[in-house]
Amino acid sequence: MVVLLLLMVGGIALTGWMQTTDAYWGVEWVEETHEALAELLLVAIALHVVGVIHASLRHHENLVLAMITGRKRAPAGGDIL
């Protein structure tokens, strides 16, 4: 998911830059691609957040805190792998 999010942000940046150049100024497919990537990025972010919440609940672990601190608890015997 991180790779997808980075690629989409890169695509948004590229098409945004393209719109500022003389060669692509006002070109419809560049504008449409830029808008589509922006909308898809919002969907991907929402899916990522839902996935983190689901995994946190399923594994009984605060994954957001683990992402911030870089520390997770050691796996217990009954944990889902």
N, C-alpha and C. Protein backbone atom coordinates (compact mmCIF):
# COMPACT_ATOMS: atom_id res chain seq x y z
N MET A 1 0.82 -1.19 0.00
CA MET A 1 0.00 0.00 0.00
C MET A 1 0.87 1.25 0.00
N VAL A 2 1.98 1.20 0.72
CA VAL A 2 2.87 2.37 0.76
C VAL A 2 3.42 2.66 -0.63
N VAL A 3 3.82 1.63 -1.34
CA VAL A 3 4.34 1.82 -2.70
C VAL A 3 3.26 2.42 -3.60
N LEU A 4 2.04 1.91 -3.50
CA LEU A 4 0.93 2.45 -4.29
C LEU A 4 0.69 3.92 -3.96
N LEU A 5 0.66 4.26 -2.69
CA LEU A 5 0.44 5.64 -2.29
C LEU A 5 1.56 6.55 -2.82
N LEU A 6 2.80 6.09 -2.72
CA LEU A 6 3.91 6.90 -3.23
C LEU A 6 3.85 7.07 -4.75
N LEU A 7 3.50 6.01 -5.46
CA LEU A 7 3.36 6.11 -6.92
C LEU A 7 2.25 7.08 -7.30
N MET A 8 1.15 7.03 -6.57
CA MET A 8 0.05 7.94 -6.89
C MET A 8 0.43 9.39 -6.61
N VAL A 9 1.11 9.64 -5.50
CA VAL A 9 1.55 11.00 -5.20
C VAL A 9 2.54 11.47 -6.26
N GLY A 10 3.43 10.58 -6.68
CA GLY A 10 4.36 10.92 -7.75
C GLY A 10 3.65 11.24 -9.05
N GLY A 11 2.62 10.46 -9.38
CA GLY A 11 1.84 10.72 -10.58
C GLY A 11 1.09 12.04 -10.51
N ILE A 12 0.57 12.36 -9.34
CA ILE A 12 -0.13 13.63 -9.16
C ILE A 12 0.86 14.79 -9.33
N ALA A 13 2.04 14.64 -8.73
CA ALA A 13 3.05 15.70 -8.86
C ALA A 13 3.48 15.86 -10.32
N LEU A 14 3.70 14.74 -11.00
CA LEU A 14 4.14 14.79 -12.40
C LEU A 14 3.09 15.46 -13.29
N THR A 15 1.85 15.02 -13.17
CA THR A 15 0.81 15.61 -14.02
C THR A 15 0.53 17.06 -13.64
N GLY A 16 0.69 17.40 -12.36
CA GLY A 16 0.55 18.80 -11.95
C GLY A 16 1.64 19.66 -12.56
N TRP A 17 2.87 19.14 -12.55
CA TRP A 17 3.98 19.87 -13.18
C TRP A 17 3.76 19.98 -14.68
N MET A 18 3.29 18.90 -15.30
CA MET A 18 3.07 18.92 -16.75
C MET A 18 2.09 20.02 -17.15
N GLN A 19 1.10 20.28 -16.29
CA GLN A 19 0.11 21.30 -16.60
C GLN A 19 0.70 22.71 -16.58
N THR A 20 1.88 22.87 -15.99
CA THR A 20 2.51 24.20 -15.95
C THR A 20 3.44 24.43 -17.13
N THR A 21 3.68 23.40 -17.93
CA THR A 21 4.57 23.56 -19.08
C THR A 21 3.79 23.98 -20.32
N ASP A 22 4.47 24.58 -21.25
CA ASP A 22 3.82 25.02 -22.49
C ASP A 22 3.32 23.84 -23.31
N ALA A 23 4.05 22.73 -23.28
CA ALA A 23 3.69 21.58 -24.11
C ALA A 23 2.36 20.95 -23.67
N TYR A 24 2.06 20.99 -22.39
CA TYR A 24 0.85 20.31 -21.89
C TYR A 24 -0.18 21.26 -21.29
N TRP A 25 0.01 22.55 -21.46
CA TRP A 25 -0.94 23.53 -20.93
C TRP A 25 -2.30 23.33 -21.59
N GLY A 26 -3.31 23.05 -20.80
CA GLY A 26 -4.67 22.89 -21.30
C GLY A 26 -4.95 21.56 -21.97
N VAL A 27 -4.03 20.60 -21.93
CA VAL A 27 -4.25 19.29 -22.53
C VAL A 27 -5.19 18.51 -21.61
N GLU A 28 -6.29 18.06 -22.19
CA GLU A 28 -7.36 17.48 -21.39
C GLU A 28 -6.98 16.19 -20.68
N TRP A 29 -6.22 15.29 -21.36
CA TRP A 29 -5.92 14.02 -20.73
C TRP A 29 -5.00 14.19 -19.52
N VAL A 30 -4.16 15.22 -19.53
CA VAL A 30 -3.28 15.47 -18.39
C VAL A 30 -4.12 15.94 -17.20
N GLU A 31 -5.06 16.83 -17.45
CA GLU A 31 -5.94 17.32 -16.38
C GLU A 31 -6.80 16.19 -15.82
N GLU A 32 -7.34 15.37 -16.70
CA GLU A 32 -8.19 14.27 -16.26
C GLU A 32 -7.40 13.23 -15.47
N THR A 33 -6.18 12.95 -15.92
CA THR A 33 -5.32 12.01 -15.19
C THR A 33 -4.98 12.56 -13.82
N HIS A 34 -4.67 13.83 -13.73
CA HIS A 34 -4.35 14.49 -12.47
C HIS A 34 -5.53 14.38 -11.50
N GLU A 35 -6.72 14.70 -11.98
CA GLU A 35 -7.92 14.64 -11.14
C GLU A 35 -8.23 13.21 -10.72
N ALA A 36 -8.12 12.26 -11.64
CA ALA A 36 -8.42 10.86 -11.33
C ALA A 36 -7.44 10.32 -10.29
N LEU A 37 -6.16 10.64 -10.44
CA LEU A 37 -5.18 10.18 -9.46
C LEU A 37 -5.44 10.78 -8.07
N ALA A 38 -5.84 12.04 -8.04
CA ALA A 38 -6.14 12.68 -6.76
C ALA A 38 -7.32 12.01 -6.08
N GLU A 39 -8.37 11.70 -6.85
CA GLU A 39 -9.53 11.04 -6.28
C GLU A 39 -9.21 9.61 -5.85
N LEU A 40 -8.43 8.90 -6.65
CA LEU A 40 -8.02 7.54 -6.29
C LEU A 40 -7.11 7.53 -5.07
N LEU A 41 -6.30 8.56 -4.92
CA LEU A 41 -5.44 8.66 -3.74
C LEU A 41 -6.28 8.77 -2.47
N LEU A 42 -7.34 9.54 -2.52
CA LEU A 42 -8.23 9.65 -1.35
C LEU A 42 -8.87 8.31 -1.02
N VAL A 43 -9.26 7.55 -2.02
CA VAL A 43 -9.83 6.22 -1.80
C VAL A 43 -8.78 5.29 -1.21
N ALA A 44 -7.56 5.34 -1.73
CA ALA A 44 -6.49 4.48 -1.23
C ALA A 44 -6.14 4.83 0.22
N ILE A 45 -6.15 6.10 0.56
CA ILE A 45 -5.89 6.51 1.94
C ILE A 45 -6.98 5.96 2.86
N ALA A 46 -8.23 6.08 2.44
CA ALA A 46 -9.33 5.56 3.26
C ALA A 46 -9.21 4.05 3.44
N LEU A 47 -8.89 3.32 2.37
CA LEU A 47 -8.70 1.87 2.48
C LEU A 47 -7.54 1.53 3.41
N HIS A 48 -6.48 2.30 3.34
CA HIS A 48 -5.32 2.06 4.21
C HIS A 48 -5.71 2.25 5.67
N VAL A 49 -6.43 3.31 5.99
CA VAL A 49 -6.86 3.57 7.36
C VAL A 49 -7.78 2.46 7.85
N VAL A 50 -8.72 2.04 7.02
CA VAL A 50 -9.62 0.94 7.39
C VAL A 50 -8.82 -0.34 7.62
N GLY A 51 -7.83 -0.60 6.79
CA GLY A 51 -6.99 -1.78 6.97
C GLY A 51 -6.20 -1.74 8.26
N VAL A 52 -5.66 -0.59 8.62
CA VAL A 52 -4.92 -0.45 9.88
C VAL A 52 -5.85 -0.67 11.07
N ILE A 53 -7.03 -0.11 11.01
CA ILE A 53 -8.00 -0.30 12.10
C ILE A 53 -8.38 -1.77 12.21
N HIS A 54 -8.66 -2.40 11.09
CA HIS A 54 -9.01 -3.83 11.09
C HIS A 54 -7.88 -4.68 11.67
N ALA A 55 -6.65 -4.45 11.22
CA ALA A 55 -5.52 -5.22 11.72
C ALA A 55 -5.29 -4.97 13.21
N SER A 56 -5.46 -3.72 13.65
CA SER A 56 -5.30 -3.41 15.07
C SER A 56 -6.30 -4.17 15.92
N LEU A 57 -7.54 -4.20 15.46
CA LEU A 57 -8.57 -4.91 16.22
C LEU A 57 -8.36 -6.41 16.16
N ARG A 58 -7.97 -6.93 15.01
CA ARG A 58 -7.79 -8.37 14.84
C ARG A 58 -6.62 -8.90 15.67
N HIS A 59 -5.55 -8.11 15.75
CA HIS A 59 -4.35 -8.55 16.47
C HIS A 59 -4.29 -8.00 17.89
N HIS A 60 -5.30 -7.25 18.30
CA HIS A 60 -5.34 -6.68 19.65
C HIS A 60 -4.08 -5.87 19.95
N GLU A 61 -3.73 -5.01 19.02
CA GLU A 61 -2.52 -4.21 19.16
C GLU A 61 -2.75 -2.83 18.54
N ASN A 62 -2.23 -1.81 19.20
CA ASN A 62 -2.35 -0.45 18.71
C ASN A 62 -1.28 -0.22 17.64
N LEU A 63 -1.62 -0.45 16.38
CA LEU A 63 -0.66 -0.32 15.30
C LEU A 63 -0.26 1.12 15.03
N VAL A 64 -1.16 2.05 15.29
CA VAL A 64 -0.82 3.46 15.08
C VAL A 64 0.29 3.86 16.05
N LEU A 65 0.17 3.46 17.30
CA LEU A 65 1.22 3.75 18.27
C LEU A 65 2.52 3.06 17.87
N ALA A 66 2.43 1.83 17.38
CA ALA A 66 3.63 1.11 16.94
C ALA A 66 4.29 1.82 15.76
N MET A 67 3.50 2.42 14.86
CA MET A 67 4.07 3.15 13.73
C MET A 67 4.79 4.42 14.20
N ILE A 68 4.28 5.03 15.26
CA ILE A 68 4.88 6.26 15.77
C ILE A 68 6.14 5.96 16.56
N THR A 69 6.06 4.98 17.47
CA THR A 69 7.20 4.70 18.36
C THR A 69 8.20 3.73 17.74
N GLY A 70 7.77 2.89 16.81
CA GLY A 70 8.64 1.89 16.23
C GLY A 70 8.75 0.64 17.08
N ARG A 71 7.92 0.53 18.11
CA ARG A 71 7.97 -0.63 19.00
C ARG A 71 6.64 -1.35 19.02
N LYS A 72 6.72 -2.68 18.97
CA LYS A 72 5.53 -3.53 19.08
C LYS A 72 5.78 -4.53 20.20
N ARG A 73 4.71 -5.06 20.74
CA ARG A 73 4.86 -6.07 21.78
C ARG A 73 5.30 -7.38 21.15
N ALA A 74 5.91 -8.21 21.94
CA ALA A 74 6.34 -9.52 21.46
C ALA A 74 5.12 -10.39 21.23
N PRO A 75 5.11 -11.25 20.19
CA PRO A 75 3.96 -12.09 19.93
C PRO A 75 3.73 -13.11 21.06
N ALA A 76 2.46 -13.27 21.42
CA ALA A 76 2.08 -14.25 22.44
C ALA A 76 1.72 -15.57 21.75
N GLY A 77 1.53 -16.62 22.52
CA GLY A 77 1.25 -17.93 21.98
C GLY A 77 -0.04 -18.01 21.19
N GLY A 78 -1.07 -17.27 21.58
CA GLY A 78 -2.36 -17.36 20.91
C GLY A 78 -2.59 -16.31 19.83
N ASP A 79 -1.54 -15.58 19.46
CA ASP A 79 -1.69 -14.53 18.46
C ASP A 79 -1.94 -15.12 17.06
N ILE A 80 -2.68 -14.38 16.28
CA ILE A 80 -2.93 -14.75 14.88
C ILE A 80 -1.73 -14.30 14.06
N LEU A 81 -1.18 -15.20 13.28
CA LEU A 81 0.00 -14.83 12.47
C LEU A 81 -0.39 -14.49 11.07
